[in-house]
Amino acid sequence: MRIYTDGHVKDLPALDGMFITSEDPVEAKRLENKHDEYNRQINELLVEIGFDKFTINMYLHAWLNK
């Protein structure tokens, strides 16, 4: 969330740390890719709106270093 100086709060999306996987390797890869893509989109959004001080942490959580 973002808390503004005037006290109002704006809810923001957050990175997903966990995801459901599958015993089927093809489905497991699809689910992992879906999770990674979601986190990439959230990372880009948060950086766009000024959360650049957290870029490295978000980068690692979104597994963009793959």
PDB file of N, CA and C in Angstrom:
ATOM      1  N   MET A   1       0.838  -1.177   0.000  1.00  0.00           N
ATOM      2  CA  MET A   1       0.000   0.000   0.000  1.00  0.00           C
ATOM      3  C   MET A   1       0.883   1.240   0.000  1.00  0.00           C
ATOM      4  N   ARG A   2       0.335   2.304  -0.452  1.00  0.00           N
ATOM      5  CA  ARG A   2       1.030   3.593  -0.416  1.00  0.00           C
ATOM      6  C   ARG A   2       0.255   4.499   0.525  1.00  0.00           C
ATOM      7  N   ILE A   3       0.980   5.107   1.464  1.00  0.00           N
ATOM      8  CA  ILE A   3       0.367   6.047   2.397  1.00  0.00           C
ATOM      9  C   ILE A   3       0.872   7.440   2.036  1.00  0.00           C
ATOM     10  N   TYR A   4      -0.052   8.315   1.711  1.00  0.00           N
ATOM     11  CA  TYR A   4       0.295   9.677   1.309  1.00  0.00           C
ATOM     12  C   TYR A   4       0.451  10.568   2.535  1.00  0.00           C
ATOM     13  N   THR A   5       1.115  11.705   2.340  1.00  0.00           N
ATOM     14  CA  THR A   5       1.362  12.628   3.450  1.00  0.00           C
ATOM     15  C   THR A   5       0.076  13.159   4.074  1.00  0.00           C
ATOM     16  N   ASP A   6      -0.998  13.226   3.277  1.00  0.00           N
ATOM     17  CA  ASP A   6      -2.268  13.698   3.836  1.00  0.00           C
ATOM     18  C   ASP A   6      -3.015  12.589   4.584  1.00  0.00           C
ATOM     19  N   GLY A   7      -2.430  11.380   4.616  1.00  0.00           N
ATOM     20  CA  GLY A   7      -3.007  10.279   5.373  1.00  0.00           C
ATOM     21  C   GLY A   7      -3.839   9.297   4.582  1.00  0.00           C
ATOM     22  N   HIS A   8      -4.199   9.636   3.336  1.00  0.00           N
ATOM     23  CA  HIS A   8      -5.006   8.653   2.609  1.00  0.00           C
ATOM     24  C   HIS A   8      -4.119   7.509   2.125  1.00  0.00           C
ATOM     25  N   VAL A   9      -4.758   6.357   1.992  1.00  0.00           N
ATOM     26  CA  VAL A   9      -4.051   5.120   1.676  1.00  0.00           C
ATOM     27  C   VAL A   9      -4.547   4.585   0.342  1.00  0.00           C
ATOM     28  N   LYS A  10      -3.628   4.129  -0.473  1.00  0.00           N
ATOM     29  CA  LYS A  10      -3.989   3.503  -1.743  1.00  0.00           C
ATOM     30  C   LYS A  10      -3.460   2.071  -1.726  1.00  0.00           C
ATOM     31  N   ASP A  11      -4.366   1.105  -1.898  1.00  0.00           N
ATOM     32  CA  ASP A  11      -3.955  -0.292  -1.979  1.00  0.00           C
ATOM     33  C   ASP A  11      -3.261  -0.537  -3.310  1.00  0.00           C
ATOM     34  N   LEU A  12      -2.185  -1.276  -3.269  1.00  0.00           N
ATOM     35  CA  LEU A  12      -1.422  -1.612  -4.466  1.00  0.00           C
ATOM     36  C   LEU A  12      -1.275  -3.122  -4.555  1.00  0.00           C
ATOM     37  N   PRO A  13      -1.127  -3.649  -5.767  1.00  0.00           N
ATOM     38  CA  PRO A  13      -0.888  -5.086  -5.883  1.00  0.00           C
ATOM     39  C   PRO A  13       0.480  -5.431  -5.303  1.00  0.00           C
ATOM     40  N   ALA A  14       0.643  -6.664  -4.905  1.00  0.00           N
ATOM     41  CA  ALA A  14       1.904  -7.108  -4.306  1.00  0.00           C
ATOM     42  C   ALA A  14       2.455  -8.302  -5.070  1.00  0.00           C
ATOM     43  N   LEU A  15       3.743  -8.481  -4.950  1.00  0.00           N
ATOM     44  CA  LEU A  15       4.385  -9.641  -5.543  1.00  0.00           C
ATOM     45  C   LEU A  15       3.900 -10.910  -4.853  1.00  0.00           C
ATOM     46  N   ASP A  16       3.779 -11.969  -5.631  1.00  0.00           N
ATOM     47  CA  ASP A  16       3.422 -13.280  -5.095  1.00  0.00           C
ATOM     48  C   ASP A  16       4.696 -14.022  -4.744  1.00  0.00           C
ATOM     49  N   GLY A  17       4.803 -14.502  -3.515  1.00  0.00           N
ATOM     50  CA  GLY A  17       5.988 -15.236  -3.106  1.00  0.00           C
ATOM     51  C   GLY A  17       5.878 -16.726  -3.363  1.00  0.00           C
ATOM     52  N   MET A  18       4.655 -17.229  -3.397  1.00  0.00           N
ATOM     53  CA  MET A  18       4.448 -18.672  -3.565  1.00  0.00           C
ATOM     54  C   MET A  18       3.457 -18.906  -4.697  1.00  0.00           C
ATOM     55  N   PHE A  19       3.521 -20.096  -5.232  1.00  0.00           N
ATOM     56  CA  PHE A  19       2.538 -20.469  -6.241  1.00  0.00           C
ATOM     57  C   PHE A  19       2.272 -21.968  -6.168  1.00  0.00           C
ATOM     58  N   ILE A  20       1.119 -22.356  -6.645  1.00  0.00           N
ATOM     59  CA  ILE A  20       0.747 -23.769  -6.695  1.00  0.00           C
ATOM     60  C   ILE A  20       1.438 -24.389  -7.892  1.00  0.00           C
ATOM     61  N   THR A  21       1.953 -25.572  -7.701  1.00  0.00           N
ATOM     62  CA  THR A  21       2.632 -26.262  -8.790  1.00  0.00           C
ATOM     63  C   THR A  21       1.922 -27.586  -9.072  1.00  0.00           C
ATOM     64  N   SER A  22       2.517 -28.381  -9.908  1.00  0.00           N
ATOM     65  CA  SER A  22       1.917 -29.640 -10.314  1.00  0.00           C
ATOM     66  C   SER A  22       3.001 -30.712 -10.396  1.00  0.00           C
ATOM     67  N   GLU A  23       2.588 -31.947 -10.242  1.00  0.00           N
ATOM     68  CA  GLU A  23       3.535 -33.052 -10.431  1.00  0.00           C
ATOM     69  C   GLU A  23       3.852 -33.258 -11.911  1.00  0.00           C
ATOM     70  N   ASP A  24       2.951 -32.806 -12.774  1.00  0.00           N
ATOM     71  CA  ASP A  24       3.182 -32.892 -14.216  1.00  0.00           C
ATOM     72  C   ASP A  24       4.197 -31.819 -14.607  1.00  0.00           C
ATOM     73  N   PRO A  25       5.347 -32.192 -15.153  1.00  0.00           N
ATOM     74  CA  PRO A  25       6.393 -31.215 -15.454  1.00  0.00           C
ATOM     75  C   PRO A  25       5.961 -30.111 -16.421  1.00  0.00           C
ATOM     76  N   VAL A  26       5.137 -30.436 -17.376  1.00  0.00           N
ATOM     77  CA  VAL A  26       4.675 -29.429 -18.344  1.00  0.00           C
ATOM     78  C   VAL A  26       3.761 -28.423 -17.648  1.00  0.00           C
ATOM     79  N   GLU A  27       2.832 -28.922 -16.849  1.00  0.00           N
ATOM     80  CA  GLU A  27       1.926 -28.041 -16.116  1.00  0.00           C
ATOM     81  C   GLU A  27       2.692 -27.237 -15.063  1.00  0.00           C
ATOM     82  N   ALA A  28       3.660 -27.856 -14.411  1.00  0.00           N
ATOM     83  CA  ALA A  28       4.473 -27.152 -13.412  1.00  0.00           C
ATOM     84  C   ALA A  28       5.198 -25.975 -14.054  1.00  0.00           C
ATOM     85  N   LYS A  29       5.746 -26.176 -15.239  1.00  0.00           N
ATOM     86  CA  LYS A  29       6.450 -25.098 -15.944  1.00  0.00           C
ATOM     87  C   LYS A  29       5.479 -23.998 -16.349  1.00  0.00           C
ATOM     88  N   ARG A  30       4.279 -24.373 -16.807  1.00  0.00           N
ATOM     89  CA  ARG A  30       3.278 -23.379 -17.186  1.00  0.00           C
ATOM     90  C   ARG A  30       2.897 -22.524 -15.970  1.00  0.00           C
ATOM     91  N   LEU A  31       2.679 -23.173 -14.837  1.00  0.00           N
ATOM     92  CA  LEU A  31       2.310 -22.448 -13.620  1.00  0.00           C
ATOM     93  C   LEU A  31       3.450 -21.545 -13.146  1.00  0.00           C
ATOM     94  N   GLU A  32       4.678 -22.026 -13.244  1.00  0.00           N
ATOM     95  CA  GLU A  32       5.825 -21.201 -12.869  1.00  0.00           C
ATOM     96  C   GLU A  32       5.940 -19.978 -13.780  1.00  0.00           C
ATOM     97  N   ASN A  33       5.763 -20.183 -15.080  1.00  0.00           N
ATOM     98  CA  ASN A  33       5.824 -19.064 -16.028  1.00  0.00           C
ATOM     99  C   ASN A  33       4.719 -18.039 -15.756  1.00  0.00           C
ATOM    100  N   LYS A  34       3.516 -18.538 -15.433  1.00  0.00           N
ATOM    101  CA  LYS A  34       2.392 -17.650 -15.118  1.00  0.00           C
ATOM    102  C   LYS A  34       2.722 -16.820 -13.874  1.00  0.00           C
ATOM    103  N   HIS A  35       3.259 -17.450 -12.866  1.00  0.00           N
ATOM    104  CA  HIS A  35       3.649 -16.771 -11.626  1.00  0.00           C
ATOM    105  C   HIS A  35       4.731 -15.721 -11.903  1.00  0.00           C
ATOM    106  N   ASP A  36       5.741 -16.103 -12.664  1.00  0.00           N
ATOM    107  CA  ASP A  36       6.830 -15.175 -12.999  1.00  0.00           C
ATOM    108  C   ASP A  36       6.321 -13.972 -13.783  1.00  0.00           C
ATOM    109  N   GLU A  37       5.420 -14.219 -14.732  1.00  0.00           N
ATOM    110  CA  GLU A  37       4.879 -13.123 -15.542  1.00  0.00           C
ATOM    111  C   GLU A  37       4.071 -12.159 -14.684  1.00  0.00           C
ATOM    112  N   TYR A  38       3.265 -12.690 -13.776  1.00  0.00           N
ATOM    113  CA  TYR A  38       2.500 -11.836 -12.857  1.00  0.00           C
ATOM    114  C   TYR A  38       3.460 -10.954 -12.062  1.00  0.00           C
ATOM    115  N   ASN A  39       4.500 -11.548 -11.494  1.00  0.00           N
ATOM    116  CA  ASN A  39       5.447 -10.778 -10.694  1.00  0.00           C
ATOM    117  C   ASN A  39       6.199  -9.749 -11.530  1.00  0.00           C
ATOM    118  N   ARG A  40       6.513 -10.076 -12.771  1.00  0.00           N
ATOM    119  CA  ARG A  40       7.159  -9.095 -13.652  1.00  0.00           C
ATOM    120  C   ARG A  40       6.253  -7.881 -13.861  1.00  0.00           C
ATOM    121  N   GLN A  41       4.973  -8.150 -14.103  1.00  0.00           N
ATOM    122  CA  GLN A  41       4.024  -7.053 -14.320  1.00  0.00           C
ATOM    123  C   GLN A  41       3.887  -6.181 -13.076  1.00  0.00           C
ATOM    124  N   ILE A  42       3.812  -6.799 -11.911  1.00  0.00           N
ATOM    125  CA  ILE A  42       3.700  -6.038 -10.664  1.00  0.00           C
ATOM    126  C   ILE A  42       4.976  -5.240 -10.430  1.00  0.00           C
ATOM    127  N   ASN A  43       6.120  -5.860 -10.670  1.00  0.00           N
ATOM    128  CA  ASN A  43       7.400  -5.171 -10.516  1.00  0.00           C
ATOM    129  C   ASN A  43       7.442  -3.928 -11.404  1.00  0.00           C
ATOM    130  N   GLU A  44       7.072  -4.060 -12.660  1.00  0.00           N
ATOM    131  CA  GLU A  44       7.085  -2.924 -13.583  1.00  0.00           C
ATOM    132  C   GLU A  44       6.141  -1.819 -13.107  1.00  0.00           C
ATOM    133  N   LEU A  45       4.954  -2.193 -12.665  1.00  0.00           N
ATOM    134  CA  LEU A  45       3.980  -1.215 -12.178  1.00  0.00           C
ATOM    135  C   LEU A  45       4.530  -0.449 -10.970  1.00  0.00           C
ATOM    136  N   LEU A  46       5.079  -1.167 -10.007  1.00  0.00           N
ATOM    137  CA  LEU A  46       5.578  -0.513  -8.804  1.00  0.00           C
ATOM    138  C   LEU A  46       6.760   0.413  -9.100  1.00  0.00           C
ATOM    139  N   VAL A  47       7.628  -0.004  -9.996  1.00  0.00           N
ATOM    140  CA  VAL A  47       8.747   0.865 -10.381  1.00  0.00           C
ATOM    141  C   VAL A  47       8.210   2.103 -11.100  1.00  0.00           C
ATOM    142  N   GLU A  48       7.215   1.917 -11.975  1.00  0.00           N
ATOM    143  CA  GLU A  48       6.604   3.049 -12.703  1.00  0.00           C
ATOM    144  C   GLU A  48       6.041   4.101 -11.756  1.00  0.00           C
ATOM    145  N   ILE A  49       5.479   3.668 -10.642  1.00  0.00           N
ATOM    146  CA  ILE A  49       4.844   4.630  -9.742  1.00  0.00           C
ATOM    147  C   ILE A  49       5.773   5.084  -8.616  1.00  0.00           C
ATOM    148  N   GLY A  50       7.056   4.766  -8.755  1.00  0.00           N
ATOM    149  CA  GLY A  50       8.024   5.375  -7.857  1.00  0.00           C
ATOM    150  C   GLY A  50       8.643   4.518  -6.780  1.00  0.00           C
ATOM    151  N   PHE A  51       8.482   3.228  -6.836  1.00  0.00           N
ATOM    152  CA  PHE A  51       9.079   2.365  -5.834  1.00  0.00           C
ATOM    153  C   PHE A  51      10.476   1.908  -6.251  1.00  0.00           C
ATOM    154  N   ASP A  52      11.228   2.801  -6.867  1.00  0.00           N
ATOM    155  CA  ASP A  52      12.533   2.431  -7.393  1.00  0.00           C
ATOM    156  C   ASP A  52      13.557   2.059  -6.324  1.00  0.00           C
ATOM    157  N   LYS A  53      13.384   2.503  -5.100  1.00  0.00           N
ATOM    158  CA  LYS A  53      14.321   2.138  -4.030  1.00  0.00           C
ATOM    159  C   LYS A  53      14.251   0.658  -3.694  1.00  0.00           C
ATOM    160  N   PHE A  54      13.205   0.000  -4.135  1.00  0.00           N
ATOM    161  CA  PHE A  54      13.022  -1.417  -3.849  1.00  0.00           C
ATOM    162  C   PHE A  54      13.258  -2.296  -5.081  1.00  0.00           C
ATOM    163  N   THR A  55      13.827  -1.735  -6.113  1.00  0.00           N
ATOM    164  CA  THR A  55      13.968  -2.454  -7.372  1.00  0.00           C
ATOM    165  C   THR A  55      14.740  -3.758  -7.209  1.00  0.00           C
ATOM    166  N   ILE A  56      15.836  -3.736  -6.502  1.00  0.00           N
ATOM    167  CA  ILE A  56      16.639  -4.950  -6.368  1.00  0.00           C
ATOM    168  C   ILE A  56      15.853  -6.034  -5.641  1.00  0.00           C
ATOM    169  N   ASN A  57      15.192  -5.668  -4.556  1.00  0.00           N
ATOM    170  CA  ASN A  57      14.396  -6.639  -3.817  1.00  0.00           C
ATOM    171  C   ASN A  57      13.275  -7.196  -4.685  1.00  0.00           C
ATOM    172  N   MET A  58      12.583  -6.332  -5.409  1.00  0.00           N
ATOM    173  CA  MET A  58      11.500  -6.788  -6.280  1.00  0.00           C
ATOM    174  C   MET A  58      12.064  -7.682  -7.387  1.00  0.00           C
ATOM    175  N   TYR A  59      13.214  -7.304  -7.919  1.00  0.00           N
ATOM    176  CA  TYR A  59      13.873  -8.087  -8.956  1.00  0.00           C
ATOM    177  C   TYR A  59      14.086  -9.520  -8.465  1.00  0.00           C
ATOM    178  N   LEU A  60      14.613  -9.669  -7.283  1.00  0.00           N
ATOM    179  CA  LEU A  60      14.883 -10.998  -6.756  1.00  0.00           C
ATOM    180  C   LEU A  60      13.591 -11.765  -6.487  1.00  0.00           C
ATOM    181  N   HIS A  61      12.583 -11.091  -5.934  1.00  0.00           N
ATOM    182  CA  HIS A  61      11.312 -11.758  -5.651  1.00  0.00           C
ATOM    183  C   HIS A  61      10.600 -12.171  -6.930  1.00  0.00           C
ATOM    184  N   ALA A  62      10.775 -11.434  -7.975  1.00  0.00           N
ATOM    185  CA  ALA A  62      10.109 -11.759  -9.241  1.00  0.00           C
ATOM    186  C   ALA A  62      10.934 -12.721 -10.071  1.00  0.00           C
ATOM    187  N   TRP A  63      12.057 -13.121  -9.565  1.00  0.00           N
ATOM    188  CA  TRP A  63      12.955 -14.064 -10.238  1.00  0.00           C
ATOM    189  C   TRP A  63      13.339 -13.571 -11.619  1.00  0.00           C
ATOM    190  N   LEU A  64      13.523 -12.269 -11.743  1.00  0.00           N
ATOM    191  CA  LEU A  64      13.905 -11.712 -13.035  1.00  0.00           C
ATOM    192  C   LEU A  64      15.375 -11.965 -13.350  1.00  0.00           C
ATOM    193  N   ASN A  65      16.083 -12.560 -12.406  1.00  0.00           N
ATOM    194  CA  ASN A  65      17.492 -12.858 -12.638  1.00  0.00           C
ATOM    195  C   ASN A  65      17.694 -14.235 -13.262  1.00  0.00           C
ATOM    196  N   LYS A  66      16.607 -14.895 -13.677  1.00  0.00           N
ATOM    197  CA  LYS A  66      16.708 -16.221 -14.311  1.00  0.00           C
ATOM    198  C   LYS A  66      17.452 -16.123 -15.614  1.00  0.00           C
TER     199      LYS A  66
END
